[in-house]
Protein backbone atom coordinates (compact mmCIF):
# COMPACT_ATOMS: atom_id res chain seq x y z
CA UNK A 1 -188.38 57.72 174.94
CA UNK A 2 -189.50 57.66 171.30
CA UNK A 3 -191.30 54.52 170.03
CA UNK A 4 -191.61 54.10 166.20
CA UNK A 5 -194.01 52.17 164.05
CA UNK A 6 -194.15 52.12 160.34
CA UNK A 7 -197.33 54.24 160.53
CA UNK A 8 -197.22 56.54 163.52
CA UNK A 9 -194.43 58.06 165.91
CA UNK A 10 -195.35 57.84 169.89
CA UNK A 11 -193.30 60.44 171.96
CA UNK A 12 -193.11 59.49 175.88
CA UNK A 13 -192.02 61.82 178.33
CA UNK A 14 -191.45 59.30 181.11
CA UNK A 15 -191.26 62.36 183.51
CA UNK A 16 -195.12 62.61 183.50
CA UNK A 17 -195.64 59.06 184.85
CA UNK A 18 -194.72 60.93 188.06
CA UNK A 19 -198.12 62.78 187.86
CA UNK A 20 -200.14 60.98 185.50
CA UNK A 21 -201.42 57.49 184.68
CA UNK A 22 -200.18 55.73 181.70
CA UNK A 23 -202.99 56.65 179.45
CA UNK A 24 -202.66 59.88 180.43
CA UNK A 25 -199.09 60.57 179.77
CA UNK A 26 -199.77 58.93 176.44
CA UNK A 27 -202.24 61.75 175.43
CA UNK A 28 -200.34 64.36 176.94
CA UNK A 29 -196.93 63.41 174.84
CA UNK A 30 -198.48 62.64 171.70
CA UNK A 31 -200.74 65.74 171.99
CA UNK A 32 -197.51 67.78 172.58
CA UNK A 33 -195.68 66.33 169.81
CA UNK A 34 -198.78 67.07 167.56
CA UNK A 35 -198.92 70.64 168.39
CA UNK A 36 -195.26 71.15 167.72
CA UNK A 37 -196.45 70.10 163.90
CA UNK A 38 -199.84 71.38 163.55
CA UNK A 39 -200.80 74.63 161.95
CA UNK A 40 -204.31 75.00 163.38
CA UNK A 41 -203.67 78.36 165.46
CA UNK A 42 -207.24 80.13 167.28
CA UNK A 43 -207.36 82.00 170.32
CA UNK A 44 -203.40 82.08 170.11
CA UNK A 45 -202.79 78.41 170.66
CA UNK A 46 -202.13 75.66 168.51
CA UNK A 47 -204.95 72.69 168.47
CA UNK A 48 -205.27 69.34 167.31
CA UNK A 49 -208.40 67.91 166.40
CA UNK A 50 -208.82 64.23 166.42
CA UNK A 51 -211.97 62.10 166.43
CA UNK A 52 -212.02 59.86 169.64
CA UNK A 53 -211.50 56.62 167.59
CA UNK A 54 -208.73 58.53 165.96
CA UNK A 55 -207.02 58.82 169.08
CA UNK A 56 -207.75 55.62 170.33
CA UNK A 57 -205.98 53.86 167.23
CA UNK A 58 -203.03 55.99 167.81
CA UNK A 59 -202.79 55.53 171.55
CA UNK A 60 -203.74 52.02 171.52
CA UNK A 61 -206.26 52.48 173.82
CA UNK A 62 -209.93 51.84 174.08
CA UNK A 63 -212.23 54.80 173.00
CA UNK A 64 -213.72 54.60 176.44
CA UNK A 65 -210.26 55.04 178.04
CA UNK A 66 -209.42 57.81 175.71
CA UNK A 67 -212.88 59.69 176.53
CA UNK A 68 -212.42 59.19 180.46
CA UNK A 69 -208.43 60.12 179.86
CA UNK A 70 -209.31 63.37 177.85
CA UNK A 71 -212.57 64.44 180.33
CA UNK A 72 -210.27 64.07 183.29
CA UNK A 73 -207.27 66.04 182.27
CA UNK A 74 -209.82 68.64 181.15
CA UNK A 75 -211.50 68.66 184.40
CA UNK A 76 -208.06 69.15 185.95
CA UNK A 77 -207.07 71.95 183.87
CA UNK A 78 -204.28 70.32 181.54
CA UNK A 79 -206.08 69.76 178.71
CA UNK A 80 -208.20 72.87 177.03
CA UNK A 81 -211.23 71.30 174.91
CA UNK A 82 -213.19 73.53 172.09
CA UNK A 83 -215.58 73.03 169.09
CA UNK A 84 -214.31 74.74 166.16
CA UNK A 85 -215.80 72.72 163.42
CA UNK A 86 -217.90 74.38 161.09
CA UNK A 87 -220.95 71.82 161.16
CA UNK A 88 -222.94 70.93 164.16
CA UNK A 89 -223.08 67.60 163.75
CA UNK A 90 -219.05 67.37 163.77
CA UNK A 91 -218.45 66.55 167.41
CA UNK A 92 -214.45 66.32 166.77
CA UNK A 93 -212.83 67.73 169.78
CA UNK A 94 -209.94 70.25 169.19
CA UNK A 95 -207.57 69.89 171.93
CA UNK A 96 -204.47 71.85 173.12
CA UNK A 97 -202.45 71.57 176.20
CA UNK A 98 -202.66 74.25 179.25
CA UNK A 99 -198.93 74.58 179.65
CA UNK A 100 -199.33 77.21 182.50
CA UNK A 101 -201.64 74.63 184.34
CA UNK A 102 -198.66 72.02 184.02
CA UNK A 103 -196.16 74.36 185.37
CA UNK A 104 -198.31 74.96 188.47
CA UNK A 105 -198.48 71.46 189.27
CA UNK A 106 -194.80 71.45 189.40
CA UNK A 107 -193.96 69.84 186.15
CA UNK A 108 -190.97 71.73 184.79
CA UNK A 109 -189.87 69.63 181.96
CA UNK A 110 -187.54 71.56 179.80
CA UNK A 111 -189.05 70.49 176.53
CA UNK A 112 -192.43 71.84 177.41
CA UNK A 113 -191.05 75.28 178.71
CA UNK A 114 -189.20 75.61 175.51
CA UNK A 115 -192.03 74.51 172.95
CA UNK A 116 -194.24 76.76 174.52
CA UNK A 117 -192.20 79.73 174.68
CA UNK A 118 -191.58 79.41 170.71
CA UNK A 119 -195.02 78.47 170.04
CA UNK A 120 -196.23 81.80 171.98
CA UNK A 121 -193.80 83.81 169.92
CA UNK A 122 -194.59 82.14 166.49
CA UNK A 123 -198.34 82.80 167.13
CA UNK A 124 -197.67 86.58 168.15
CA UNK A 125 -195.88 86.89 164.80
CA UNK A 126 -198.77 85.08 163.01
CA UNK A 127 -201.09 87.37 164.99
CA UNK A 128 -199.23 90.94 163.94
CA UNK A 129 -198.76 89.55 160.37
CA UNK A 130 -202.61 88.92 160.20
CA UNK A 131 -203.33 92.37 161.32
CA UNK A 132 -200.89 94.15 158.91
CA UNK A 133 -202.47 92.32 156.42
CA UNK A 134 -206.28 93.28 157.41
CA UNK A 135 -205.07 96.99 157.17
CA UNK A 136 -203.22 96.22 153.94
CA UNK A 137 -199.80 97.62 155.26
CA UNK A 138 -196.84 96.39 153.11
CA UNK A 139 -193.89 95.28 155.15
CA UNK A 140 -191.06 97.51 154.74
CA UNK A 141 -187.42 96.04 154.10
CA UNK A 142 -184.79 98.34 154.88
CA UNK A 143 -182.24 95.54 156.30
CA UNK A 144 -181.72 92.32 157.78
CA UNK A 145 -183.82 93.07 160.86
CA UNK A 146 -186.03 95.68 159.70
CA UNK A 147 -189.09 93.00 159.95
CA UNK A 148 -188.04 92.11 163.51
CA UNK A 149 -187.98 95.92 164.44
CA UNK A 150 -191.65 96.39 162.99
CA UNK A 151 -193.08 93.74 165.48
CA UNK A 152 -194.94 94.82 168.62
CA UNK A 153 -192.50 95.09 171.48
CA UNK A 154 -193.99 92.18 173.41
CA UNK A 155 -193.26 89.61 170.35
CA UNK A 156 -189.72 91.21 170.03
CA UNK A 157 -189.35 90.40 173.75
CA UNK A 158 -190.57 86.53 172.94
CA UNK A 159 -188.36 86.11 170.09
CA UNK A 160 -185.26 87.35 172.08
CA UNK A 161 -186.13 85.18 175.26
CA UNK A 162 -186.42 82.50 172.87
């Protein structure tokens, strides 16, 4: 279900309500939607960095509820949290979803599996391009599929599986 508001879009994966509380479902659904639109890649994953107050505003929850919800989801392994901030005083959390953990819990939502596979393939391509750039290797363009065949085999397999 998609809920629209002039200032924001909220996505609800109602199938998650079987496994999680309302606030947890809201956070996971919104984070999944945001991860599809972010360009923040670290450690081979996409990340979203929001302050507690921003999450509270977007999810229409109190800041303390957001903190408890995030802490619980991290504790059970559904969310992964890191600190990639440049300044020690910046305590903004970087969050991503552990899609493997959702699968272990029996959550086989089609959109999660497809999005995760596409993300992984995209991340592997980005990492490969960064490595080529570091090594000053110019891409060869000998035909329509030449770039594809320059990719490592595991990246090719991920792209073909998608």
